[in-house]
Amino acid sequence: MAFTPSQAAHSAVQRVLDSIKKQAEERALRHSRAKLKGDSTALSSRSYVRKSNNGISPKVVYNVQQRARSTGDYFTRLVNSSPKPRVLRSANHPVAIHLYKLAHSAAYRKYRKLVLLTSTKLIREYCERHGACSRIYTTSYENPVLLEPSVRAERVIVCSDKLLQKVADLHSYKGGVVAEVPYPQPAQHLGQAALVLCVAPKCNAARDNGATATLVRTAHALQWQALWMLKHGEHDLLNPRDIRASQNCLDTMPYVVGTAQEAIKFAKDNDLLISICCDGGFNLNSDRAQNIIKQHRGMLLLIGKQPKVGTILK
């Protein structure tokens, strides 16, 4: 005798089959929606694509700005691409190499648009003028400088004493803190400056600019109004030693970088007396020198190696 399922059993099996079919339809619908959303996201991340006259679409160009935002700035990529020790000790670490280049390479400082402050006094003054530093490197989070309310930084990194001493380029560095701040940019023009110090490089070695940095600091203290840096040689006043010697006056004193001919034109246009520090010149206290000074609105004083425009300067 053949077995015939009851009406109740048939209904139960039918409900199970209907439930399985409904779940399969829902999964297929969700899958199609997710695929449609992914396609629209990929299209929105691309830039506008315009067809050429022959109807052929060019290659898709992705949005560079969106990719740049996702990858972050240079320092973030530098940190993420290397180990993250609690205390930075190795001189071969990418962050340590970055610091060493900032301290010893003028070209790297200009390229990254960053400089280092190795004096607690200069760090305090910078934070009072501009706010937070880009980064602070210290030997301890409990450094008294970091506890001051005026000293702020976007990021704090702990380093060893030996590494900071090497970066600061000082034999007896005991500050325990180094700040990384934006590069002081030159001014577009000097306006109506009456007292301008014109700095010429003495030689090709940037380490011999300590005396020049001290003179710039003295001129700033005597309220000279601007600084003109000549281009005809290699000189840099933004390494850690020269920043300490000049007390970071390039951050507050307007300066421009130009040729000797441009400096002479600026002096003539603004009725400035062009003077050169040299042996055998006039005594400034003499009557002749005072009469010459009174005939001009101000002075442009050249210090350092005189460029080869002597016939123009006379």
C-alpha atoms as a PDB file:
ATOM      1  CA  MET A   1       0.000   0.000   0.000  1.00  0.00           C
ATOM      2  CA  ALA A   2       1.487   3.404  -0.993  1.00  0.00           C
ATOM      3  CA  PHE A   3       2.110   6.034   1.695  1.00  0.00           C
ATOM      4  CA  THR A   4       0.206   9.311   1.265  1.00  0.00           C
ATOM      5  CA  PRO A   5       1.336  12.278   3.423  1.00  0.00           C
ATOM      6  CA  SER A   6      -1.309  14.021   5.421  1.00  0.00           C
ATOM      7  CA  GLN A   7      -2.546  17.486   4.672  1.00  0.00           C
ATOM      8  CA  ALA A   8      -0.780  18.938   7.767  1.00  0.00           C
ATOM      9  CA  ALA A   9       2.603  17.469   6.819  1.00  0.00           C
ATOM     10  CA  HIS A  10       2.251  18.779   3.289  1.00  0.00           C
ATOM     11  CA  SER A  11       1.534  22.283   4.598  1.00  0.00           C
ATOM     12  CA  ALA A  12       4.604  22.209   6.897  1.00  0.00           C
ATOM     13  CA  VAL A  13       6.924  21.186   4.055  1.00  0.00           C
ATOM     14  CA  GLN A  14       5.464  23.874   1.828  1.00  0.00           C
ATOM     15  CA  ARG A  15       6.065  26.546   4.500  1.00  0.00           C
ATOM     16  CA  VAL A  16       9.711  25.476   4.863  1.00  0.00           C
ATOM     17  CA  LEU A  17      10.241  25.635   1.098  1.00  0.00           C
ATOM     18  CA  ASP A  18       8.587  29.045   0.903  1.00  0.00           C
ATOM     19  CA  SER A  19      10.816  30.334   3.744  1.00  0.00           C
ATOM     20  CA  ILE A  20      13.985  29.095   2.033  1.00  0.00           C
ATOM     21  CA  LYS A  21      12.904  30.667  -1.247  1.00  0.00           C
ATOM     22  CA  LYS A  22      12.144  33.992   0.468  1.00  0.00           C
ATOM     23  CA  GLN A  23      15.544  34.063   2.226  1.00  0.00           C
ATOM     24  CA  ALA A  24      17.306  33.350  -1.068  1.00  0.00           C
ATOM     25  CA  GLU A  25      15.460  36.224  -2.754  1.00  0.00           C
ATOM     26  CA  GLU A  26      16.389  38.599   0.100  1.00  0.00           C
ATOM     27  CA  ARG A  27      20.062  37.604  -0.104  1.00  0.00           C
ATOM     28  CA  ALA A  28      20.075  38.139  -3.863  1.00  0.00           C
ATOM     29  CA  LEU A  29      18.479  41.566  -3.416  1.00  0.00           C
ATOM     30  CA  ARG A  30      21.042  42.599  -0.780  1.00  0.00           C
ATOM     31  CA  HIS A  31      23.876  41.392  -2.988  1.00  0.00           C
ATOM     32  CA  SER A  32      22.631  43.398  -5.970  1.00  0.00           C
ATOM     33  CA  ARG A  33      22.238  46.528  -3.820  1.00  0.00           C
ATOM     34  CA  ALA A  34      25.759  46.161  -2.407  1.00  0.00           C
ATOM     35  CA  LYS A  35      27.204  45.708  -5.887  1.00  0.00           C
ATOM     36  CA  LEU A  36      25.322  48.752  -7.162  1.00  0.00           C
ATOM     37  CA  LYS A  37      26.588  50.828  -4.213  1.00  0.00           C
ATOM     38  CA  GLY A  38      30.182  49.714  -4.795  1.00  0.00           C
ATOM     39  CA  ASP A  39      30.008  50.655  -8.455  1.00  0.00           C
ATOM     40  CA  SER A  40      28.625  54.104  -7.655  1.00  0.00           C
ATOM     41  CA  THR A  41      31.358  54.690  -5.030  1.00  0.00           C
ATOM     42  CA  ALA A  42      34.071  53.758  -7.509  1.00  0.00           C
ATOM     43  CA  LEU A  43      32.603  56.091 -10.087  1.00  0.00           C
ATOM     44  CA  SER A  44      32.295  58.978  -7.621  1.00  0.00           C
ATOM     45  CA  SER A  45      35.974  58.690  -6.654  1.00  0.00           C
ATOM     46  CA  ARG A  46      37.030  59.306 -10.240  1.00  0.00           C
ATOM     47  CA  SER A  47      37.343  62.630 -11.947  1.00  0.00           C
ATOM     48  CA  TYR A  48      35.165  63.758 -14.798  1.00  0.00           C
ATOM     49  CA  VAL A  49      35.786  61.775 -17.995  1.00  0.00           C
ATOM     50  CA  ARG A  50      34.961  63.405 -21.311  1.00  0.00           C
ATOM     51  CA  LYS A  51      34.770  61.516 -24.575  1.00  0.00           C
ATOM     52  CA  SER A  52      36.844  62.659 -27.474  1.00  0.00           C
ATOM     53  CA  ASN A  53      35.472  63.550 -30.892  1.00  0.00           C
ATOM     54  CA  ASN A  54      35.897  60.017 -32.196  1.00  0.00           C
ATOM     55  CA  GLY A  55      33.720  58.624 -29.400  1.00  0.00           C
ATOM     56  CA  ILE A  56      36.552  56.812 -27.595  1.00  0.00           C
ATOM     57  CA  SER A  57      36.803  57.514 -23.888  1.00  0.00           C
ATOM     58  CA  PRO A  58      40.285  58.341 -22.580  1.00  0.00           C
ATOM     59  CA  LYS A  59      41.881  56.603 -19.625  1.00  0.00           C
ATOM     60  CA  VAL A  60      40.253  57.217 -16.254  1.00  0.00           C
ATOM     61  CA  VAL A  61      42.142  59.709 -14.067  1.00  0.00           C
ATOM     62  CA  TYR A  62      41.640  59.195 -10.342  1.00  0.00           C
ATOM     63  CA  ASN A  63      41.190  62.045  -7.916  1.00  0.00           C
ATOM     64  CA  VAL A  64      44.708  62.849  -6.723  1.00  0.00           C
ATOM     65  CA  GLN A  65      43.557  65.013  -3.808  1.00  0.00           C
ATOM     66  CA  GLN A  66      41.452  62.193  -2.365  1.00  0.00           C
ATOM     67  CA  ARG A  67      44.426  59.822  -2.580  1.00  0.00           C
ATOM     68  CA  ALA A  68      46.641  62.409  -0.903  1.00  0.00           C
ATOM     69  CA  ARG A  69      44.184  62.805   1.962  1.00  0.00           C
ATOM     70  CA  SER A  70      44.015  59.047   2.481  1.00  0.00           C
ATOM     71  CA  THR A  71      47.788  58.609   2.577  1.00  0.00           C
ATOM     72  CA  GLY A  72      48.420  61.574   4.913  1.00  0.00           C
ATOM     73  CA  ASP A  73      51.345  63.964   5.058  1.00  0.00           C
ATOM     74  CA  TYR A  74      55.013  63.087   4.705  1.00  0.00           C
ATOM     75  CA  PHE A  75      55.720  62.667   8.422  1.00  0.00           C
ATOM     76  CA  THR A  76      52.706  60.381   8.940  1.00  0.00           C
ATOM     77  CA  ARG A  77      53.867  58.155   6.098  1.00  0.00           C
ATOM     78  CA  LEU A  78      57.382  58.234   7.537  1.00  0.00           C
ATOM     79  CA  VAL A  79      56.180  57.057  10.950  1.00  0.00           C
ATOM     80  CA  ASN A  80      53.823  54.412   9.563  1.00  0.00           C
ATOM     81  CA  SER A  81      56.539  52.926   7.351  1.00  0.00           C
ATOM     82  CA  SER A  82      58.897  52.205  10.255  1.00  0.00           C
ATOM     83  CA  PRO A  83      58.856  50.580  13.715  1.00  0.00           C
ATOM     84  CA  LYS A  84      57.340  52.661  16.505  1.00  0.00           C
ATOM     85  CA  PRO A  85      59.567  52.327  19.592  1.00  0.00           C
ATOM     86  CA  ARG A  86      58.488  53.917  22.857  1.00  0.00           C
ATOM     87  CA  VAL A  87      61.833  55.759  22.975  1.00  0.00           C
ATOM     88  CA  LEU A  88      63.558  56.671  19.718  1.00  0.00           C
ATOM     89  CA  ARG A  89      67.221  55.673  20.074  1.00  0.00           C
ATOM     90  CA  SER A  90      68.512  54.379  16.744  1.00  0.00           C
ATOM     91  CA  ALA A  91      70.205  56.884  14.447  1.00  0.00           C
ATOM     92  CA  ASN A  92      69.122  54.700  11.499  1.00  0.00           C
ATOM     93  CA  HIS A  93      65.416  55.140  12.235  1.00  0.00           C
ATOM     94  CA  PRO A  94      63.660  57.132   9.458  1.00  0.00           C
ATOM     95  CA  VAL A  95      62.491  59.782  11.935  1.00  0.00           C
ATOM     96  CA  ALA A  96      66.058  60.174  13.261  1.00  0.00           C
ATOM     97  CA  ILE A  97      67.384  60.494   9.706  1.00  0.00           C
ATOM     98  CA  HIS A  98      64.714  63.115   9.014  1.00  0.00           C
ATOM     99  CA  LEU A  99      65.826  65.087  12.085  1.00  0.00           C
ATOM    100  CA  TYR A 100      69.503  64.832  11.183  1.00  0.00           C
ATOM    101  CA  LYS A 101      68.825  66.143   7.672  1.00  0.00           C
ATOM    102  CA  LEU A 102      66.845  69.067   9.067  1.00  0.00           C
ATOM    103  CA  ALA A 103      69.784  69.930  11.309  1.00  0.00           C
ATOM    104  CA  HIS A 104      72.564  69.666   8.708  1.00  0.00           C
ATOM    105  CA  SER A 105      71.096  70.172   5.218  1.00  0.00           C
ATOM    106  CA  ALA A 106      69.943  73.606   4.053  1.00  0.00           C
ATOM    107  CA  ALA A 107      68.415  72.113   0.896  1.00  0.00           C
ATOM    108  CA  TYR A 108      66.379  69.606   2.941  1.00  0.00           C
ATOM    109  CA  ARG A 109      65.101  72.365   5.217  1.00  0.00           C
ATOM    110  CA  LYS A 110      63.919  74.385   2.227  1.00  0.00           C
ATOM    111  CA  TYR A 111      62.366  71.318   0.615  1.00  0.00           C
ATOM    112  CA  ARG A 112      60.459  70.235   3.728  1.00  0.00           C
ATOM    113  CA  LYS A 113      59.842  73.863   4.815  1.00  0.00           C
ATOM    114  CA  LEU A 114      60.832  73.020   8.390  1.00  0.00           C
ATOM    115  CA  VAL A 115      63.525  74.119  10.862  1.00  0.00           C
ATOM    116  CA  LEU A 116      64.587  72.995  14.337  1.00  0.00           C
ATOM    117  CA  LEU A 117      64.577  75.029  17.542  1.00  0.00           C
ATOM    118  CA  THR A 118      66.984  73.666  20.173  1.00  0.00           C
ATOM    119  CA  SER A 119      66.517  76.332  22.839  1.00  0.00           C
ATOM    120  CA  THR A 120      63.725  76.249  25.412  1.00  0.00           C
ATOM    121  CA  LYS A 121      63.597  80.054  25.320  1.00  0.00           C
ATOM    122  CA  LEU A 122      63.083  80.080  21.555  1.00  0.00           C
ATOM    123  CA  ILE A 123      60.421  77.367  21.817  1.00  0.00           C
ATOM    124  CA  ARG A 124      58.485  79.398  24.391  1.00  0.00           C
ATOM    125  CA  GLU A 125      58.703  82.543  22.272  1.00  0.00           C
ATOM    126  CA  TYR A 126      57.585  80.704  19.139  1.00  0.00           C
ATOM    127  CA  CYS A 127      54.525  79.224  20.884  1.00  0.00           C
ATOM    128  CA  GLU A 128      53.592  82.645  22.249  1.00  0.00           C
ATOM    129  CA  ARG A 129      53.712  84.136  18.731  1.00  0.00           C
ATOM    130  CA  HIS A 130      52.312  81.335  16.571  1.00  0.00           C
ATOM    131  CA  GLY A 131      50.706  78.739  18.833  1.00  0.00           C
ATOM    132  CA  ALA A 132      51.541  75.043  18.657  1.00  0.00           C
ATOM    133  CA  CYS A 133      54.782  73.690  17.170  1.00  0.00           C
ATOM    134  CA  SER A 134      54.580  71.054  14.474  1.00  0.00           C
ATOM    135  CA  ARG A 135      56.372  68.458  16.623  1.00  0.00           C
ATOM    136  CA  ILE A 136      58.361  68.373  19.842  1.00  0.00           C
ATOM    137  CA  TYR A 137      61.086  65.788  20.506  1.00  0.00           C
ATOM    138  CA  THR A 138      61.896  65.321  24.173  1.00  0.00           C
ATOM    139  CA  THR A 139      63.638  62.901  26.507  1.00  0.00           C
ATOM    140  CA  SER A 140      60.566  62.515  28.728  1.00  0.00           C
ATOM    141  CA  TYR A 141      56.882  63.358  28.751  1.00  0.00           C
ATOM    142  CA  GLU A 142      57.504  64.872  32.196  1.00  0.00           C
ATOM    143  CA  ASN A 143      59.881  67.505  30.859  1.00  0.00           C
ATOM    144  CA  PRO A 144      59.128  70.782  32.710  1.00  0.00           C
ATOM    145  CA  VAL A 145      58.930  72.647  29.404  1.00  0.00           C
ATOM    146  CA  LEU A 146      56.026  70.469  28.250  1.00  0.00           C
ATOM    147  CA  LEU A 147      54.139  71.206  31.464  1.00  0.00           C
ATOM    148  CA  GLU A 148      54.079  74.926  30.730  1.00  0.00           C
ATOM    149  CA  PRO A 149      50.640  76.031  29.467  1.00  0.00           C
ATOM    150  CA  SER A 150      52.080  78.193  26.682  1.00  0.00           C
ATOM    151  CA  VAL A 151      54.148  75.372  25.113  1.00  0.00           C
ATOM    152  CA  ARG A 152      52.039  73.247  22.776  1.00  0.00           C
ATOM    153  CA  ALA A 153      52.717  70.827  19.932  1.00  0.00           C
ATOM    154  CA  GLU A 154      50.698  68.795  17.474  1.00  0.00           C
ATOM    155  CA  ARG A 155      52.750  65.711  18.360  1.00  0.00           C
ATOM    156  CA  VAL A 156      55.316  64.768  21.030  1.00  0.00           C
ATOM    157  CA  ILE A 157      57.963  62.080  20.413  1.00  0.00           C
ATOM    158  CA  VAL A 158      60.312  60.714  23.085  1.00  0.00           C
ATOM    159  CA  CYS A 159      63.976  60.353  22.053  1.00  0.00           C
ATOM    160  CA  SER A 160      67.201  59.465  23.812  1.00  0.00           C
ATOM    161  CA  ASP A 161      69.603  62.106  25.154  1.00  0.00           C
ATOM    162  CA  LYS A 162      72.319  60.981  22.758  1.00  0.00           C
ATOM    163  CA  LEU A 163      70.078  61.352  19.714  1.00  0.00           C
ATOM    164  CA  LEU A 164      68.878  64.841  20.672  1.00  0.00           C
ATOM    165  CA  GLN A 165      72.448  65.932  21.372  1.00  0.00           C
ATOM    166  CA  LYS A 166      73.466  64.773  17.894  1.00  0.00           C
ATOM    167  CA  VAL A 167      70.532  66.569  16.282  1.00  0.00           C
ATOM    168  CA  ALA A 168      71.095  69.796  18.229  1.00  0.00           C
ATOM    169  CA  ASP A 169      74.773  69.728  17.152  1.00  0.00           C
ATOM    170  CA  LEU A 170      75.947  70.788  20.613  1.00  0.00           C
ATOM    171  CA  HIS A 171      78.524  69.088  22.816  1.00  0.00           C
ATOM    172  CA  SER A 172      76.831  69.979  26.103  1.00  0.00           C
ATOM    173  CA  TYR A 173      73.161  69.972  25.171  1.00  0.00           C
ATOM    174  CA  LYS A 174      71.023  69.599  28.305  1.00  0.00           C
ATOM    175  CA  GLY A 175      67.725  71.108  27.229  1.00  0.00           C
ATOM    176  CA  GLY A 176      66.047  67.777  26.650  1.00  0.00           C
ATOM    177  CA  VAL A 177      63.644  69.224  24.070  1.00  0.00           C
ATOM    178  CA  VAL A 178      63.818  70.043  20.339  1.00  0.00           C
ATOM    179  CA  ALA A 179      60.945  71.637  18.412  1.00  0.00           C
ATOM    180  CA  GLU A 180      60.161  71.281  14.725  1.00  0.00           C
ATOM    181  CA  VAL A 181      58.497  74.422  13.354  1.00  0.00           C
ATOM    182  CA  PRO A 182      57.646  75.821   9.893  1.00  0.00           C
ATOM    183  CA  TYR A 183      60.388  77.418   7.816  1.00  0.00           C
ATOM    184  CA  PRO A 184      60.365  81.249   8.113  1.00  0.00           C
ATOM    185  CA  GLN A 185      59.498  82.384   4.613  1.00  0.00           C
ATOM    186  CA  PRO A 186      61.106  85.486   3.040  1.00  0.00           C
ATOM    187  CA  ALA A 187      58.998  88.599   2.594  1.00  0.00           C
ATOM    188  CA  GLN A 188      57.664  89.691  -0.786  1.00  0.00           C
ATOM    189  CA  HIS A 189      59.208  93.150  -0.348  1.00  0.00           C
ATOM    190  CA  LEU A 190      60.770  95.272   2.400  1.00  0.00           C
ATOM    191  CA  GLY A 191      58.453  98.223   2.021  1.00  0.00           C
ATOM    192  CA  GLN A 192      59.936 101.549   3.181  1.00  0.00           C
ATOM    193  CA  ALA A 193      62.644 100.079   5.426  1.00  0.00           C
ATOM    194  CA  ALA A 194      65.282 102.703   6.291  1.00  0.00           C
ATOM    195  CA  LEU A 195      67.866 100.520   8.075  1.00  0.00           C
ATOM    196  CA  VAL A 196      68.668  97.378   6.099  1.00  0.00           C
ATOM    197  CA  LEU A 197      71.450  94.914   6.895  1.00  0.00           C
ATOM    198  CA  CYS A 198      72.812  93.251   3.746  1.00  0.00           C
ATOM    199  CA  VAL A 199      74.409  89.868   4.500  1.00  0.00           C
ATOM    200  CA  ALA A 200      76.950  88.372   2.105  1.00  0.00           C
ATOM    201  CA  PRO A 201      78.331  84.862   2.661  1.00  0.00           C
ATOM    202  CA  LYS A 202      81.922  84.634   3.814  1.00  0.00           C
ATOM    203  CA  CYS A 203      82.629  81.204   2.363  1.00  0.00           C
ATOM    204  CA  ASN A 204      80.914  78.053   1.158  1.00  0.00           C
ATOM    205  CA  ALA A 205      80.738  76.458   4.601  1.00  0.00           C
ATOM    206  CA  ALA A 206      77.455  77.127   6.347  1.00  0.00           C
ATOM    207  CA  ARG A 207      79.029  76.302   9.735  1.00  0.00           C
ATOM    208  CA  ASP A 208      81.139  79.505   9.575  1.00  0.00           C
ATOM    209  CA  ASN A 209      78.042  81.720   9.705  1.00  0.00           C
ATOM    210  CA  GLY A 210      77.934  81.869  13.514  1.00  0.00           C
ATOM    211  CA  ALA A 211      79.502  85.338  13.602  1.00  0.00           C
ATOM    212  CA  THR A 212      77.111  86.540  10.893  1.00  0.00           C
ATOM    213  CA  ALA A 213      74.135  85.203  12.839  1.00  0.00           C
ATOM    214  CA  THR A 214      75.346  87.078  15.917  1.00  0.00           C
ATOM    215  CA  LEU A 215      75.595  90.317  13.899  1.00  0.00           C
ATOM    216  CA  VAL A 216      72.064  89.793  12.617  1.00  0.00           C
ATOM    217  CA  ARG A 217      70.885  89.334  16.191  1.00  0.00           C
ATOM    218  CA  THR A 218      72.661  92.565  17.211  1.00  0.00           C
ATOM    219  CA  ALA A 219      71.093  94.484  14.320  1.00  0.00           C
ATOM    220  CA  HIS A 220      67.668  93.191  15.322  1.00  0.00           C
ATOM    221  CA  ALA A 221      68.255  94.289  18.908  1.00  0.00           C
ATOM    222  CA  LEU A 222      69.306  97.767  17.660  1.00  0.00           C
ATOM    223  CA  GLN A 223      65.987  97.968  15.771  1.00  0.00           C
ATOM    224  CA  TRP A 224      67.302  97.597  12.249  1.00  0.00           C
ATOM    225  CA  GLN A 225      64.202  97.049  10.195  1.00  0.00           C
ATOM    226  CA  ALA A 226      65.031  94.419   7.566  1.00  0.00           C
ATOM    227  CA  LEU A 227      67.594  91.940   6.276  1.00  0.00           C
ATOM    228  CA  TRP A 228      68.814  91.399   2.710  1.00  0.00           C
ATOM    229  CA  MET A 229      70.565  88.087   2.017  1.00  0.00           C
ATOM    230  CA  LEU A 230      72.689  87.996  -1.138  1.00  0.00           C
ATOM    231  CA  LYS A 231      72.466  85.058  -3.526  1.00  0.00           C
ATOM    232  CA  HIS A 232      75.996  85.007  -4.893  1.00  0.00           C
ATOM    233  CA  GLY A 233      77.260  82.357  -2.444  1.00  0.00           C
ATOM    234  CA  GLU A 234      76.191  79.496  -0.223  1.00  0.00           C
ATOM    235  CA  HIS A 235      74.999  80.691   3.142  1.00  0.00           C
ATOM    236  CA  ASP A 236      72.282  79.591   5.508  1.00  0.00           C
ATOM    237  CA  LEU A 237      71.264  81.068   8.851  1.00  0.00           C
ATOM    238  CA  LEU A 238      68.638  78.454   9.729  1.00  0.00           C
ATOM    239  CA  ASN A 239      70.657  75.525  11.047  1.00  0.00           C
ATOM    240  CA  PRO A 240      70.208  74.892  14.807  1.00  0.00           C
ATOM    241  CA  ARG A 241      73.452  76.645  15.797  1.00  0.00           C
ATOM    242  CA  ASP A 242      72.797  79.790  13.769  1.00  0.00           C
ATOM    243  CA  ILE A 243      69.192  79.945  14.945  1.00  0.00           C
ATOM    244  CA  ARG A 244      70.477  79.936  18.526  1.00  0.00           C
ATOM    245  CA  ALA A 245      73.109  82.571  17.692  1.00  0.00           C
ATOM    246  CA  SER A 246      70.574  84.846  15.980  1.00  0.00           C
ATOM    247  CA  GLN A 247      67.839  84.061  18.525  1.00  0.00           C
ATOM    248  CA  ASN A 248      65.575  83.066  15.623  1.00  0.00           C
ATOM    249  CA  CYS A 249      65.247  86.702  14.544  1.00  0.00           C
ATOM    250  CA  LEU A 250      64.381  85.642  10.975  1.00  0.00           C
ATOM    251  CA  ASP A 251      60.999  84.622  12.375  1.00  0.00           C
ATOM    252  CA  THR A 252      60.217  88.228  13.349  1.00  0.00           C
ATOM    253  CA  MET A 253      62.549  90.313  11.154  1.00  0.00           C
ATOM    254  CA  PRO A 254      61.462  90.623   7.494  1.00  0.00           C
ATOM    255  CA  TYR A 255      64.096  89.427   5.050  1.00  0.00           C
ATOM    256  CA  VAL A 256      64.474  88.918   1.324  1.00  0.00           C
ATOM    257  CA  VAL A 257      66.912  86.922  -0.796  1.00  0.00           C
ATOM    258  CA  GLY A 258      68.236  88.661  -3.903  1.00  0.00           C
ATOM    259  CA  THR A 259      71.254  89.572  -5.980  1.00  0.00           C
ATOM    260  CA  ALA A 260      73.647  92.457  -5.369  1.00  0.00           C
ATOM    261  CA  GLN A 261      72.203  94.374  -8.331  1.00  0.00           C
ATOM    262  CA  GLU A 262      68.710  94.065  -6.852  1.00  0.00           C
ATOM    263  CA  ALA A 263      69.985  95.291  -3.486  1.00  0.00           C
ATOM    264  CA  ILE A 264      71.632  98.319  -5.123  1.00  0.00           C
ATOM    265  CA  LYS A 265      68.429  99.145  -7.008  1.00  0.00           C
ATOM    266  CA  PHE A 266      66.414  98.874  -3.787  1.00  0.00           C
ATOM    267  CA  ALA A 267      68.852 101.209  -2.022  1.00  0.00           C
ATOM    268  CA  LYS A 268      68.706 103.799  -4.812  1.00  0.00           C
ATOM    269  CA  ASP A 269      64.910 103.662  -5.067  1.00  0.00           C
ATOM    270  CA  ASN A 270      64.568 104.207  -1.308  1.00  0.00           C
ATOM    271  CA  ASP A 271      67.386 106.782  -0.972  1.00  0.00           C
ATOM    272  CA  LEU A 272      69.568 104.537   1.216  1.00  0.00           C
ATOM    273  CA  LEU A 273      73.286 105.089   1.700  1.00  0.00           C
ATOM    274  CA  ILE A 274      75.197 101.954   0.650  1.00  0.00           C
ATOM    275  CA  SER A 275      77.949 101.245   3.192  1.00  0.00           C
ATOM    276  CA  ILE A 276      80.509  98.465   3.474  1.00  0.00           C
ATOM    277  CA  CYS A 277      82.369  97.324   6.571  1.00  0.00           C
ATOM    278  CA  CYS A 278      86.075  97.392   5.658  1.00  0.00           C
ATOM    279  CA  ASP A 279      89.464  98.656   6.813  1.00  0.00           C
ATOM    280  CA  GLY A 280      90.466 102.170   5.821  1.00  0.00           C
ATOM    281  CA  GLY A 281      86.950 103.574   5.629  1.00  0.00           C
ATOM    282  CA  PHE A 282      85.499 106.726   7.129  1.00  0.00           C
ATOM    283  CA  ASN A 283      85.025 107.136  10.837  1.00  0.00           C
ATOM    284  CA  LEU A 284      81.281 107.355  11.391  1.00  0.00           C
ATOM    285  CA  ASN A 285      81.809 109.969  14.089  1.00  0.00           C
ATOM    286  CA  SER A 286      83.639 112.302  11.699  1.00  0.00           C
ATOM    287  CA  ASP A 287      81.931 115.360  10.265  1.00  0.00           C
ATOM    288  CA  ARG A 288      82.339 114.105   6.698  1.00  0.00           C
ATOM    289  CA  ALA A 289      80.624 110.818   7.452  1.00  0.00           C
ATOM    290  CA  GLN A 290      77.801 112.540   9.335  1.00  0.00           C
ATOM    291  CA  ASN A 291      77.175 114.924   6.453  1.00  0.00           C
ATOM    292  CA  ILE A 292      76.987 112.041   3.983  1.00  0.00           C
ATOM    293  CA  ILE A 293      74.584 110.132   6.240  1.00  0.00           C
ATOM    294  CA  LYS A 294      72.278 113.142   6.613  1.00  0.00           C
ATOM    295  CA  GLN A 295      71.916 113.393   2.848  1.00  0.00           C
ATOM    296  CA  HIS A 296      70.112 110.017   2.714  1.00  0.00           C
ATOM    297  CA  ARG A 297      66.913 108.666   4.225  1.00  0.00           C
ATOM    298  CA  GLY A 298      68.592 105.569   5.628  1.00  0.00           C
ATOM    299  CA  MET A 299      71.390 103.048   5.178  1.00  0.00           C
ATOM    300  CA  LEU A 300      72.037  99.668   3.599  1.00  0.00           C
ATOM    301  CA  LEU A 301      75.049  98.134   5.364  1.00  0.00           C
ATOM    302  CA  LEU A 302      76.888  95.253   3.692  1.00  0.00           C
ATOM    303  CA  ILE A 303      78.680  92.732   5.912  1.00  0.00           C
ATOM    304  CA  GLY A 304      80.641  89.724   4.749  1.00  0.00           C
ATOM    305  CA  LYS A 305      82.406  89.108   1.459  1.00  0.00           C
ATOM    306  CA  GLN A 306      81.916  91.975  -0.982  1.00  0.00           C
ATOM    307  CA  PRO A 307      80.374  90.816  -4.293  1.00  0.00           C
ATOM    308  CA  LYS A 308      82.006  91.684  -7.616  1.00  0.00           C
ATOM    309  CA  VAL A 309      80.098  94.896  -8.159  1.00  0.00           C
ATOM    310  CA  GLY A 310      82.671  97.251  -6.652  1.00  0.00           C
ATOM    311  CA  THR A 311      82.436  99.779  -9.440  1.00  0.00           C
ATOM    312  CA  ILE A 312      78.703 100.047  -8.873  1.00  0.00           C
ATOM    313  CA  LEU A 313      78.996 100.326  -5.096  1.00  0.00           C
ATOM    314  CA  LYS A 314      81.506 103.195  -5.250  1.00  0.00           C
END
